[in-house]
Amino acid sequence: MSGLYQVSSNPHIRSKVTTNGIMLAVIVALMPATGYGIYHFGPRALAVILVTIASTMLTEFLFGLYRKKVTITDLSAVVTGLLLALNLPVTIPLWMAALGGVFAILVVKMLFGGLGQNFMNPALAARCFLLISFPVQMTAFDCDAYTGATPLALLKAGEQVNVMEMVRGNVGGTIGETSVIALVIGACILLMLGIIDLRIPGSYIVTFVLFVGIFGGRGFDPYYISAHLSGGGLMLGAFFMATDYVTRPITVKGQYIFGIFLGLMTGIFRIFGPGAEGVSYAIILGNILVPLIEKYTRPTAFGYKRGGARRGK
């Protein structure tokens, strides 16, 4: 009988999905937004992208050499560098872009233990760091491709915006946030590959729409709500950064709560805050609350009731 049993250590349920595969899928999904950003803003956008990716990869490689454990082959540093670049204005000095990449990998990721141990999204944390440190350069969107205030700034000032131009991407903003079409194509790729689902982005967007409709001052005006959805980094944040495996809740209920929280915070920042944006800060605050969300949404183990007591005792 002993020959019928195979004893092995956990986990006993395994998947063919690898970290490299997931990261590669995210990179492919970001290509439409990346390509459009380079087309729209020109070679300077490509330079920013290359600098951030180079800085994130080099930082992780050097830290890996120091720790005698090189992890650069998992492609997570490439994803971080690419996401950071897509969240930057094309006019940012290249040394600032490089500094953001170093901060994302060294401070937010590696000093907390590496991939899987960071408690907030490295790319967004680096963007917030740059916003706090260099607010003028991080909010300078005038370039050869576009001059003037961003659509969200115009919307906040009570002026009219062209929603169709925002959907196509013929507007100002960061390198990767302008074209909604490109971002939706990338999101569809991730959904079809099963890398993400709609729990977080769906609850995020629905909650944000309800908040803007109730507190935006224009009711549920489709044009006004469409402008808010198409402007800023909402689509980029909802589908590519809020869904980060490491910094999102692992429980199903927790993911819905996380998405609702992001929608509420983004609405508060945009409608009542001094700035026109708010996605980055909303997601960072949500990342900080993930341990608390998971604590109160953890499923009860079979055979136990809430409070820890075993059934039947």
C-alpha atoms as a PDB file:
ATOM      1  CA  MET A   1       0.000   0.000   0.000  1.00  0.00           C
ATOM      2  CA  SER A   2       2.848   2.373   0.741  1.00  0.00           C
ATOM      3  CA  GLY A   3       3.823   2.355  -2.923  1.00  0.00           C
ATOM      4  CA  LEU A   4       0.456   3.935  -3.837  1.00  0.00           C
ATOM      5  CA  TYR A   5       1.258   7.183  -2.017  1.00  0.00           C
ATOM      6  CA  GLN A   6       3.500  10.017  -3.083  1.00  0.00           C
ATOM      7  CA  VAL A   7       4.558  12.416  -0.350  1.00  0.00           C
ATOM      8  CA  SER A   8       5.600  15.903  -1.427  1.00  0.00           C
ATOM      9  CA  SER A   9       5.737  19.332   0.098  1.00  0.00           C
ATOM     10  CA  ASN A  10       3.178  22.019  -0.642  1.00  0.00           C
ATOM     11  CA  PRO A  11       1.955  23.632  -2.790  1.00  0.00           C
ATOM     12  CA  HIS A  12       0.053  20.685  -4.229  1.00  0.00           C
ATOM     13  CA  ILE A  13      -1.862  22.772  -6.794  1.00  0.00           C
ATOM     14  CA  ARG A  14       0.498  24.227  -9.386  1.00  0.00           C
ATOM     15  CA  SER A  15       0.136  26.420 -12.424  1.00  0.00           C
ATOM     16  CA  LYS A  16       2.130  26.877 -15.607  1.00  0.00           C
ATOM     17  CA  VAL A  17       1.839  30.653 -15.181  1.00  0.00           C
ATOM     18  CA  THR A  18       5.202  32.194 -14.328  1.00  0.00           C
ATOM     19  CA  THR A  19       6.307  35.630 -13.187  1.00  0.00           C
ATOM     20  CA  ASN A  20       8.124  36.102 -16.493  1.00  0.00           C
ATOM     21  CA  GLY A  21       4.980  35.197 -18.408  1.00  0.00           C
ATOM     22  CA  ILE A  22       2.829  37.638 -16.474  1.00  0.00           C
ATOM     23  CA  MET A  23       5.342  40.474 -16.843  1.00  0.00           C
ATOM     24  CA  LEU A  24       5.754  39.783 -20.552  1.00  0.00           C
ATOM     25  CA  ALA A  25       1.972  39.912 -20.990  1.00  0.00           C
ATOM     26  CA  VAL A  26       1.828  43.276 -19.206  1.00  0.00           C
ATOM     27  CA  ILE A  27       4.623  44.631 -21.416  1.00  0.00           C
ATOM     28  CA  VAL A  28       2.775  43.499 -24.552  1.00  0.00           C
ATOM     29  CA  ALA A  29      -0.477  45.037 -23.261  1.00  0.00           C
ATOM     30  CA  LEU A  30       1.301  48.348 -22.654  1.00  0.00           C
ATOM     31  CA  MET A  31       2.669  48.482 -26.200  1.00  0.00           C
ATOM     32  CA  PRO A  32      -0.366  50.242 -27.755  1.00  0.00           C
ATOM     33  CA  ALA A  33      -0.178  53.079 -25.202  1.00  0.00           C
ATOM     34  CA  THR A  34       3.618  53.169 -25.459  1.00  0.00           C
ATOM     35  CA  GLY A  35       3.568  53.255 -29.242  1.00  0.00           C
ATOM     36  CA  TYR A  36       0.961  55.979 -29.342  1.00  0.00           C
ATOM     37  CA  GLY A  37       2.868  58.018 -26.763  1.00  0.00           C
ATOM     38  CA  ILE A  38       5.999  57.905 -28.928  1.00  0.00           C
ATOM     39  CA  TYR A  39       3.966  58.734 -32.058  1.00  0.00           C
ATOM     40  CA  HIS A  40       2.144  61.612 -30.337  1.00  0.00           C
ATOM     41  CA  PHE A  41       5.037  63.191 -28.434  1.00  0.00           C
ATOM     42  CA  GLY A  42       7.955  62.252 -30.667  1.00  0.00           C
ATOM     43  CA  PRO A  43      11.484  60.914 -30.025  1.00  0.00           C
ATOM     44  CA  ARG A  44      11.680  62.679 -26.646  1.00  0.00           C
ATOM     45  CA  ALA A  45       9.069  60.258 -25.309  1.00  0.00           C
ATOM     46  CA  LEU A  46      11.164  57.307 -26.460  1.00  0.00           C
ATOM     47  CA  ALA A  47      14.168  58.785 -24.669  1.00  0.00           C
ATOM     48  CA  VAL A  48      12.233  59.083 -21.394  1.00  0.00           C
ATOM     49  CA  ILE A  49      11.001  55.489 -21.723  1.00  0.00           C
ATOM     50  CA  LEU A  50      14.476  54.115 -22.411  1.00  0.00           C
ATOM     51  CA  VAL A  51      16.014  56.083 -19.532  1.00  0.00           C
ATOM     52  CA  THR A  52      13.466  54.902 -16.951  1.00  0.00           C
ATOM     53  CA  ILE A  53      13.705  51.272 -18.062  1.00  0.00           C
ATOM     54  CA  ALA A  54      17.503  51.433 -18.052  1.00  0.00           C
ATOM     55  CA  SER A  55      17.559  52.986 -14.575  1.00  0.00           C
ATOM     56  CA  THR A  56      15.180  50.404 -13.082  1.00  0.00           C
ATOM     57  CA  MET A  57      17.014  47.462 -14.633  1.00  0.00           C
ATOM     58  CA  LEU A  58      20.462  48.746 -13.688  1.00  0.00           C
ATOM     59  CA  THR A  59      19.380  49.481 -10.113  1.00  0.00           C
ATOM     60  CA  GLU A  60      17.903  46.011  -9.652  1.00  0.00           C
ATOM     61  CA  PHE A  61      20.939  44.382 -11.270  1.00  0.00           C
ATOM     62  CA  LEU A  62      23.435  46.220  -9.044  1.00  0.00           C
ATOM     63  CA  PHE A  63      21.391  45.538  -5.915  1.00  0.00           C
ATOM     64  CA  GLY A  64      21.182  41.887  -6.928  1.00  0.00           C
ATOM     65  CA  LEU A  65      24.950  41.728  -7.267  1.00  0.00           C
ATOM     66  CA  TYR A  66      25.296  43.235  -3.795  1.00  0.00           C
ATOM     67  CA  ARG A  67      22.876  40.689  -2.324  1.00  0.00           C
ATOM     68  CA  LYS A  68      24.288  37.871  -4.494  1.00  0.00           C
ATOM     69  CA  LYS A  69      20.829  37.212  -5.903  1.00  0.00           C
ATOM     70  CA  VAL A  70      20.169  38.700  -9.329  1.00  0.00           C
ATOM     71  CA  THR A  71      16.438  38.835 -10.149  1.00  0.00           C
ATOM     72  CA  ILE A  72      16.487  41.050 -13.207  1.00  0.00           C
ATOM     73  CA  THR A  73      15.434  38.190 -15.511  1.00  0.00           C
ATOM     74  CA  ASP A  74      11.851  38.165 -14.159  1.00  0.00           C
ATOM     75  CA  LEU A  75      11.121  41.354 -16.216  1.00  0.00           C
ATOM     76  CA  SER A  76       9.441  43.095 -13.274  1.00  0.00           C
ATOM     77  CA  ALA A  77      11.998  45.911 -13.431  1.00  0.00           C
ATOM     78  CA  VAL A  78      11.130  46.464 -17.099  1.00  0.00           C
ATOM     79  CA  VAL A  79       7.434  46.724 -16.244  1.00  0.00           C
ATOM     80  CA  THR A  80       8.169  49.181 -13.427  1.00  0.00           C
ATOM     81  CA  GLY A  81      10.333  51.345 -15.680  1.00  0.00           C
ATOM     82  CA  LEU A  82       7.775  51.313 -18.494  1.00  0.00           C
ATOM     83  CA  LEU A  83       4.857  52.162 -16.193  1.00  0.00           C
ATOM     84  CA  LEU A  84       6.853  54.964 -14.602  1.00  0.00           C
ATOM     85  CA  ALA A  85       7.691  56.434 -18.015  1.00  0.00           C
ATOM     86  CA  LEU A  86       4.056  56.331 -19.097  1.00  0.00           C
ATOM     87  CA  ASN A  87       3.187  58.337 -15.982  1.00  0.00           C
ATOM     88  CA  LEU A  88       5.709  61.096 -16.705  1.00  0.00           C
ATOM     89  CA  PRO A  89       5.428  64.237 -18.858  1.00  0.00           C
ATOM     90  CA  VAL A  90       7.539  64.151 -21.997  1.00  0.00           C
ATOM     91  CA  THR A  91       9.309  67.353 -20.949  1.00  0.00           C
ATOM     92  CA  ILE A  92      10.763  65.970 -17.721  1.00  0.00           C
ATOM     93  CA  PRO A  93      14.582  66.201 -17.522  1.00  0.00           C
ATOM     94  CA  LEU A  94      16.084  62.787 -18.182  1.00  0.00           C
ATOM     95  CA  TRP A  95      18.033  62.763 -14.936  1.00  0.00           C
ATOM     96  CA  MET A  96      14.767  63.169 -13.005  1.00  0.00           C
ATOM     97  CA  ALA A  97      13.271  60.247 -14.900  1.00  0.00           C
ATOM     98  CA  ALA A  98      16.334  58.177 -13.995  1.00  0.00           C
ATOM     99  CA  LEU A  99      16.078  59.252 -10.360  1.00  0.00           C
ATOM    100  CA  GLY A 100      12.462  58.088 -10.322  1.00  0.00           C
ATOM    101  CA  GLY A 101      13.539  54.676 -11.609  1.00  0.00           C
ATOM    102  CA  VAL A 102      16.188  54.345  -8.918  1.00  0.00           C
ATOM    103  CA  PHE A 103      13.687  55.333  -6.211  1.00  0.00           C
ATOM    104  CA  ALA A 104      11.082  52.859  -7.485  1.00  0.00           C
ATOM    105  CA  ILE A 105      13.428  49.875  -7.416  1.00  0.00           C
ATOM    106  CA  LEU A 106      15.816  50.653  -4.575  1.00  0.00           C
ATOM    107  CA  VAL A 107      13.565  52.336  -2.004  1.00  0.00           C
ATOM    108  CA  VAL A 108      10.109  50.935  -2.723  1.00  0.00           C
ATOM    109  CA  LYS A 109      10.935  47.436  -3.968  1.00  0.00           C
ATOM    110  CA  MET A 110      14.366  46.050  -3.051  1.00  0.00           C
ATOM    111  CA  LEU A 111      14.746  47.526   0.437  1.00  0.00           C
ATOM    112  CA  PHE A 112      11.465  45.845   1.390  1.00  0.00           C
ATOM    113  CA  GLY A 113      12.595  42.438   0.171  1.00  0.00           C
ATOM    114  CA  GLY A 114      12.131  42.527  -3.587  1.00  0.00           C
ATOM    115  CA  LEU A 115       9.255  41.439  -5.783  1.00  0.00           C
ATOM    116  CA  GLY A 116       6.286  40.316  -3.700  1.00  0.00           C
ATOM    117  CA  GLN A 117       7.374  42.186  -0.574  1.00  0.00           C
ATOM    118  CA  ASN A 118       6.784  45.827  -1.580  1.00  0.00           C
ATOM    119  CA  PHE A 119       3.667  47.280   0.025  1.00  0.00           C
ATOM    120  CA  MET A 120       2.926  49.872  -2.669  1.00  0.00           C
ATOM    121  CA  ASN A 121       3.212  50.053  -6.445  1.00  0.00           C
ATOM    122  CA  PRO A 122       6.837  51.052  -7.195  1.00  0.00           C
ATOM    123  CA  ALA A 123       6.054  53.024 -10.351  1.00  0.00           C
ATOM    124  CA  LEU A 124       3.302  55.055  -8.706  1.00  0.00           C
ATOM    125  CA  ALA A 125       5.344  55.588  -5.557  1.00  0.00           C
ATOM    126  CA  ALA A 126       8.155  56.956  -7.724  1.00  0.00           C
ATOM    127  CA  ARG A 127       5.717  59.228  -9.563  1.00  0.00           C
ATOM    128  CA  CYS A 128       4.415  60.609  -6.261  1.00  0.00           C
ATOM    129  CA  PHE A 129       8.015  61.072  -5.080  1.00  0.00           C
ATOM    130  CA  LEU A 130       8.800  63.079  -8.207  1.00  0.00           C
ATOM    131  CA  LEU A 131       5.578  65.086  -7.884  1.00  0.00           C
ATOM    132  CA  ILE A 132       6.475  66.089  -4.341  1.00  0.00           C
ATOM    133  CA  SER A 133      10.139  66.751  -5.129  1.00  0.00           C
ATOM    134  CA  PHE A 134       9.771  68.444  -8.519  1.00  0.00           C
ATOM    135  CA  PRO A 135       6.177  69.721  -8.846  1.00  0.00           C
ATOM    136  CA  VAL A 136       6.947  72.256 -11.588  1.00  0.00           C
ATOM    137  CA  GLN A 137       8.684  69.796 -13.902  1.00  0.00           C
ATOM    138  CA  MET A 138       6.116  67.072 -13.215  1.00  0.00           C
ATOM    139  CA  THR A 139       3.193  69.318 -14.196  1.00  0.00           C
ATOM    140  CA  ALA A 140       4.775  70.944 -17.262  1.00  0.00           C
ATOM    141  CA  PHE A 141       2.880  69.468 -20.207  1.00  0.00           C
ATOM    142  CA  ASP A 142       3.658  72.059 -22.888  1.00  0.00           C
ATOM    143  CA  CYS A 143       5.639  70.490 -25.725  1.00  0.00           C
ATOM    144  CA  ASP A 144       5.874  70.477 -29.503  1.00  0.00           C
ATOM    145  CA  ALA A 145       2.879  68.152 -29.752  1.00  0.00           C
ATOM    146  CA  TYR A 146       0.603  70.071 -27.406  1.00  0.00           C
ATOM    147  CA  THR A 147       0.495  73.387 -25.570  1.00  0.00           C
ATOM    148  CA  GLY A 148      -1.916  74.733 -22.989  1.00  0.00           C
ATOM    149  CA  ALA A 149      -3.699  73.260 -20.001  1.00  0.00           C
ATOM    150  CA  THR A 150      -4.573  69.578 -19.920  1.00  0.00           C
ATOM    151  CA  PRO A 151      -8.228  68.608 -20.517  1.00  0.00           C
ATOM    152  CA  LEU A 152      -8.753  67.790 -16.833  1.00  0.00           C
ATOM    153  CA  ALA A 153      -7.411  71.213 -15.823  1.00  0.00           C
ATOM    154  CA  LEU A 154      -9.788  72.852 -18.295  1.00  0.00           C
ATOM    155  CA  LEU A 155     -12.648  70.708 -17.030  1.00  0.00           C
ATOM    156  CA  LYS A 156     -11.917  71.673 -13.431  1.00  0.00           C
ATOM    157  CA  ALA A 157     -11.898  75.356 -14.456  1.00  0.00           C
ATOM    158  CA  GLY A 158     -15.394  74.950 -15.896  1.00  0.00           C
ATOM    159  CA  GLU A 159     -14.362  75.084 -19.549  1.00  0.00           C
ATOM    160  CA  GLN A 160     -15.438  72.814 -22.376  1.00  0.00           C
ATOM    161  CA  VAL A 161     -13.230  69.983 -23.652  1.00  0.00           C
ATOM    162  CA  ASN A 162     -13.332  67.810 -26.748  1.00  0.00           C
ATOM    163  CA  VAL A 163     -14.074  64.286 -25.514  1.00  0.00           C
ATOM    164  CA  MET A 164     -13.438  62.634 -28.892  1.00  0.00           C
ATOM    165  CA  GLU A 165      -9.981  64.177 -29.031  1.00  0.00           C
ATOM    166  CA  MET A 166      -9.366  62.842 -25.505  1.00  0.00           C
ATOM    167  CA  VAL A 167     -10.471  59.360 -26.548  1.00  0.00           C
ATOM    168  CA  ARG A 168      -8.177  59.417 -29.589  1.00  0.00           C
ATOM    169  CA  GLY A 169      -5.312  60.937 -27.602  1.00  0.00           C
ATOM    170  CA  ASN A 170      -4.785  64.261 -29.359  1.00  0.00           C
ATOM    171  CA  VAL A 171      -4.417  66.094 -26.052  1.00  0.00           C
ATOM    172  CA  GLY A 172      -1.759  66.921 -23.490  1.00  0.00           C
ATOM    173  CA  GLY A 173      -0.828  64.789 -20.508  1.00  0.00           C
ATOM    174  CA  THR A 174       1.707  62.187 -19.524  1.00  0.00           C
ATOM    175  CA  ILE A 175       3.251  59.932 -22.150  1.00  0.00           C
ATOM    176  CA  GLY A 176       0.938  56.969 -21.660  1.00  0.00           C
ATOM    177  CA  GLU A 177      -2.355  58.415 -20.452  1.00  0.00           C
ATOM    178  CA  THR A 178      -3.591  60.401 -23.443  1.00  0.00           C
ATOM    179  CA  SER A 179      -5.103  57.726 -25.697  1.00  0.00           C
ATOM    180  CA  VAL A 180      -8.049  55.908 -24.129  1.00  0.00           C
ATOM    181  CA  ILE A 181      -8.317  53.676 -27.205  1.00  0.00           C
ATOM    182  CA  ALA A 182      -4.741  52.430 -26.777  1.00  0.00           C
ATOM    183  CA  LEU A 183      -5.243  51.801 -23.055  1.00  0.00           C
ATOM    184  CA  VAL A 184      -8.507  49.909 -23.610  1.00  0.00           C
ATOM    185  CA  ILE A 185      -6.836  47.719 -26.244  1.00  0.00           C
ATOM    186  CA  GLY A 186      -4.111  46.886 -23.724  1.00  0.00           C
ATOM    187  CA  ALA A 187      -6.682  46.193 -21.011  1.00  0.00           C
ATOM    188  CA  CYS A 188      -8.546  43.822 -23.335  1.00  0.00           C
ATOM    189  CA  ILE A 189      -5.307  41.914 -23.944  1.00  0.00           C
ATOM    190  CA  LEU A 190      -4.812  41.411 -20.193  1.00  0.00           C
ATOM    191  CA  LEU A 191      -8.451  40.376 -19.740  1.00  0.00           C
ATOM    192  CA  MET A 192      -8.350  37.874 -22.603  1.00  0.00           C
ATOM    193  CA  LEU A 193      -5.127  36.359 -21.289  1.00  0.00           C
ATOM    194  CA  GLY A 194      -6.646  36.047 -17.820  1.00  0.00           C
ATOM    195  CA  ILE A 195      -3.936  38.185 -16.238  1.00  0.00           C
ATOM    196  CA  ILE A 196      -6.522  40.507 -14.673  1.00  0.00           C
ATOM    197  CA  ASP A 197     -10.277  40.482 -14.117  1.00  0.00           C
ATOM    198  CA  LEU A 198     -12.854  43.248 -13.806  1.00  0.00           C
ATOM    199  CA  ARG A 199     -13.354  43.179 -10.027  1.00  0.00           C
ATOM    200  CA  ILE A 200     -10.997  46.043  -9.197  1.00  0.00           C
ATOM    201  CA  PRO A 201     -11.156  48.164 -12.391  1.00  0.00           C
ATOM    202  CA  GLY A 202     -14.918  47.627 -12.697  1.00  0.00           C
ATOM    203  CA  SER A 203     -15.746  48.614  -9.116  1.00  0.00           C
ATOM    204  CA  TYR A 204     -13.217  51.468  -9.379  1.00  0.00           C
ATOM    205  CA  ILE A 205     -14.763  52.981 -12.508  1.00  0.00           C
ATOM    206  CA  VAL A 206     -18.394  52.461 -11.449  1.00  0.00           C
ATOM    207  CA  THR A 207     -17.775  54.042  -8.037  1.00  0.00           C
ATOM    208  CA  PHE A 208     -15.959  56.973  -9.633  1.00  0.00           C
ATOM    209  CA  VAL A 209     -18.804  57.548 -12.101  1.00  0.00           C
ATOM    210  CA  LEU A 210     -21.376  57.550  -9.283  1.00  0.00           C
ATOM    211  CA  PHE A 211     -19.249  59.947  -7.214  1.00  0.00           C
ATOM    212  CA  VAL A 212     -18.767  62.381 -10.099  1.00  0.00           C
ATOM    213  CA  GLY A 213     -22.448  62.194 -10.960  1.00  0.00           C
ATOM    214  CA  ILE A 214     -23.512  62.970  -7.394  1.00  0.00           C
ATOM    215  CA  PHE A 215     -20.866  65.513  -6.373  1.00  0.00           C
ATOM    216  CA  GLY A 216     -19.532  66.862  -9.681  1.00  0.00           C
ATOM    217  CA  GLY A 217     -22.140  69.585  -9.937  1.00  0.00           C
ATOM    218  CA  ARG A 218     -23.433  68.563 -13.369  1.00  0.00           C
ATOM    219  CA  GLY A 219     -25.430  65.488 -12.455  1.00  0.00           C
ATOM    220  CA  PHE A 220     -25.013  62.420 -14.617  1.00  0.00           C
ATOM    221  CA  ASP A 221     -24.176  64.417 -17.728  1.00  0.00           C
ATOM    222  CA  PRO A 222     -22.714  61.810 -20.139  1.00  0.00           C
ATOM    223  CA  TYR A 223     -20.364  64.331 -21.744  1.00  0.00           C
ATOM    224  CA  TYR A 224     -18.967  65.488 -18.413  1.00  0.00           C
ATOM    225  CA  ILE A 225     -18.544  61.953 -17.054  1.00  0.00           C
ATOM    226  CA  SER A 226     -16.963  60.743 -20.318  1.00  0.00           C
ATOM    227  CA  ALA A 227     -14.441  63.592 -20.110  1.00  0.00           C
ATOM    228  CA  HIS A 228     -13.495  62.554 -16.577  1.00  0.00           C
ATOM    229  CA  LEU A 229     -13.112  58.917 -17.611  1.00  0.00           C
ATOM    230  CA  SER A 230     -11.036  59.817 -20.666  1.00  0.00           C
ATOM    231  CA  GLY A 231      -8.785  62.333 -18.941  1.00  0.00           C
ATOM    232  CA  GLY A 232      -5.796  61.839 -16.709  1.00  0.00           C
ATOM    233  CA  GLY A 233      -4.472  58.436 -15.733  1.00  0.00           C
ATOM    234  CA  LEU A 234      -7.762  56.827 -14.704  1.00  0.00           C
ATOM    235  CA  MET A 235      -7.756  54.066 -17.330  1.00  0.00           C
ATOM    236  CA  LEU A 236      -4.005  53.515 -16.976  1.00  0.00           C
ATOM    237  CA  GLY A 237      -4.311  53.311 -13.197  1.00  0.00           C
ATOM    238  CA  ALA A 238      -7.470  51.199 -13.098  1.00  0.00           C
ATOM    239  CA  PHE A 239      -6.316  48.443 -15.461  1.00  0.00           C
ATOM    240  CA  PHE A 240      -2.535  48.419 -15.153  1.00  0.00           C
ATOM    241  CA  MET A 241      -1.603  49.581 -11.639  1.00  0.00           C
ATOM    242  CA  ALA A 242      -4.553  49.021  -9.314  1.00  0.00           C
ATOM    243  CA  THR A 243      -4.554  45.375 -10.482  1.00  0.00           C
ATOM    244  CA  ASP A 244      -0.908  44.796  -9.482  1.00  0.00           C
ATOM    245  CA  TYR A 245      -0.747  41.302  -7.933  1.00  0.00           C
ATOM    246  CA  VAL A 246       1.561  42.341  -5.117  1.00  0.00           C
ATOM    247  CA  THR A 247      -0.198  45.476  -3.872  1.00  0.00           C
ATOM    248  CA  ARG A 248      -3.866  44.555  -4.346  1.00  0.00           C
ATOM    249  CA  PRO A 249      -5.987  42.494  -1.911  1.00  0.00           C
ATOM    250  CA  ILE A 250      -6.026  38.741  -2.504  1.00  0.00           C
ATOM    251  CA  THR A 251      -9.587  38.201  -1.233  1.00  0.00           C
ATOM    252  CA  VAL A 252     -12.523  38.619  -3.591  1.00  0.00           C
ATOM    253  CA  LYS A 253     -14.485  40.873  -1.227  1.00  0.00           C
ATOM    254  CA  GLY A 254     -11.326  42.800  -0.526  1.00  0.00           C
ATOM    255  CA  GLN A 255     -10.808  43.501  -4.221  1.00  0.00           C
ATOM    256  CA  TYR A 256     -14.289  44.995  -4.533  1.00  0.00           C
ATOM    257  CA  ILE A 257     -13.726  47.113  -1.412  1.00  0.00           C
ATOM    258  CA  PHE A 258     -10.337  48.169  -2.783  1.00  0.00           C
ATOM    259  CA  GLY A 259     -11.882  49.264  -6.087  1.00  0.00           C
ATOM    260  CA  ILE A 260     -14.669  51.189  -4.344  1.00  0.00           C
ATOM    261  CA  PHE A 261     -12.126  52.947  -2.129  1.00  0.00           C
ATOM    262  CA  LEU A 262     -10.067  53.954  -5.180  1.00  0.00           C
ATOM    263  CA  GLY A 263     -13.141  55.336  -6.920  1.00  0.00           C
ATOM    264  CA  LEU A 264     -14.127  57.378  -3.882  1.00  0.00           C
ATOM    265  CA  MET A 265     -10.631  58.759  -3.300  1.00  0.00           C
ATOM    266  CA  THR A 266     -10.096  59.634  -6.957  1.00  0.00           C
ATOM    267  CA  GLY A 267     -13.440  61.446  -6.971  1.00  0.00           C
ATOM    268  CA  ILE A 268     -12.563  63.354  -3.799  1.00  0.00           C
ATOM    269  CA  PHE A 269      -9.161  64.390  -5.157  1.00  0.00           C
ATOM    270  CA  ARG A 270     -10.561  65.474  -8.523  1.00  0.00           C
ATOM    271  CA  ILE A 271     -13.757  67.217  -7.409  1.00  0.00           C
ATOM    272  CA  PHE A 272     -12.746  68.721  -4.061  1.00  0.00           C
ATOM    273  CA  GLY A 273      -8.942  68.747  -4.242  1.00  0.00           C
ATOM    274  CA  PRO A 274      -6.814  71.628  -5.529  1.00  0.00           C
ATOM    275  CA  GLY A 275      -5.435  69.584  -8.450  1.00  0.00           C
ATOM    276  CA  ALA A 276      -7.138  68.097 -11.476  1.00  0.00           C
ATOM    277  CA  GLU A 277      -5.766  64.559 -11.005  1.00  0.00           C
ATOM    278  CA  GLY A 278      -5.790  62.079  -8.138  1.00  0.00           C
ATOM    279  CA  VAL A 279      -5.346  58.536  -9.438  1.00  0.00           C
ATOM    280  CA  SER A 280      -1.768  58.093  -8.219  1.00  0.00           C
ATOM    281  CA  TYR A 281      -2.443  59.209  -4.663  1.00  0.00           C
ATOM    282  CA  ALA A 282      -5.684  57.205  -4.514  1.00  0.00           C
ATOM    283  CA  ILE A 283      -3.929  53.962  -5.482  1.00  0.00           C
ATOM    284  CA  ILE A 284      -1.016  54.586  -3.098  1.00  0.00           C
ATOM    285  CA  LEU A 285      -3.429  55.182  -0.205  1.00  0.00           C
ATOM    286  CA  GLY A 286      -5.309  52.044  -1.214  1.00  0.00           C
ATOM    287  CA  ASN A 287      -2.066  50.028  -1.219  1.00  0.00           C
ATOM    288  CA  ILE A 288      -1.381  51.146   2.350  1.00  0.00           C
ATOM    289  CA  LEU A 289      -4.827  49.937   3.450  1.00  0.00           C
ATOM    290  CA  VAL A 290      -4.584  46.513   1.774  1.00  0.00           C
ATOM    291  CA  PRO A 291      -3.430  44.645   4.946  1.00  0.00           C
ATOM    292  CA  LEU A 292      -6.406  46.068   6.852  1.00  0.00           C
ATOM    293  CA  ILE A 293      -8.814  45.191   4.037  1.00  0.00           C
ATOM    294  CA  GLU A 294      -7.512  41.623   3.902  1.00  0.00           C
ATOM    295  CA  LYS A 295      -7.757  41.266   7.680  1.00  0.00           C
ATOM    296  CA  TYR A 296     -11.512  41.898   7.654  1.00  0.00           C
ATOM    297  CA  THR A 297     -12.329  40.062   4.404  1.00  0.00           C
ATOM    298  CA  ARG A 298     -10.383  36.852   5.039  1.00  0.00           C
ATOM    299  CA  PRO A 299     -12.709  33.840   4.513  1.00  0.00           C
ATOM    300  CA  THR A 300     -13.563  31.709   7.530  1.00  0.00           C
ATOM    301  CA  ALA A 301     -11.745  28.366   7.491  1.00  0.00           C
ATOM    302  CA  PHE A 302     -13.940  25.306   7.002  1.00  0.00           C
ATOM    303  CA  GLY A 303     -14.979  23.878  10.351  1.00  0.00           C
ATOM    304  CA  TYR A 304     -14.633  27.205  12.176  1.00  0.00           C
ATOM    305  CA  LYS A 305     -16.991  30.061  12.847  1.00  0.00           C
ATOM    306  CA  ARG A 306     -16.079  33.709  13.006  1.00  0.00           C
ATOM    307  CA  GLY A 307     -14.156  34.506  16.156  1.00  0.00           C
ATOM    308  CA  GLY A 308     -11.883  31.471  15.837  1.00  0.00           C
ATOM    309  CA  ALA A 309     -13.936  28.884  17.732  1.00  0.00           C
ATOM    310  CA  ARG A 310     -14.248  25.435  16.165  1.00  0.00           C
ATOM    311  CA  ARG A 311     -17.751  24.316  15.333  1.00  0.00           C
ATOM    312  CA  GLY A 312     -19.128  21.630  17.591  1.00  0.00           C
ATOM    313  CA  LYS A 313     -17.202  22.759  20.666  1.00  0.00           C
END
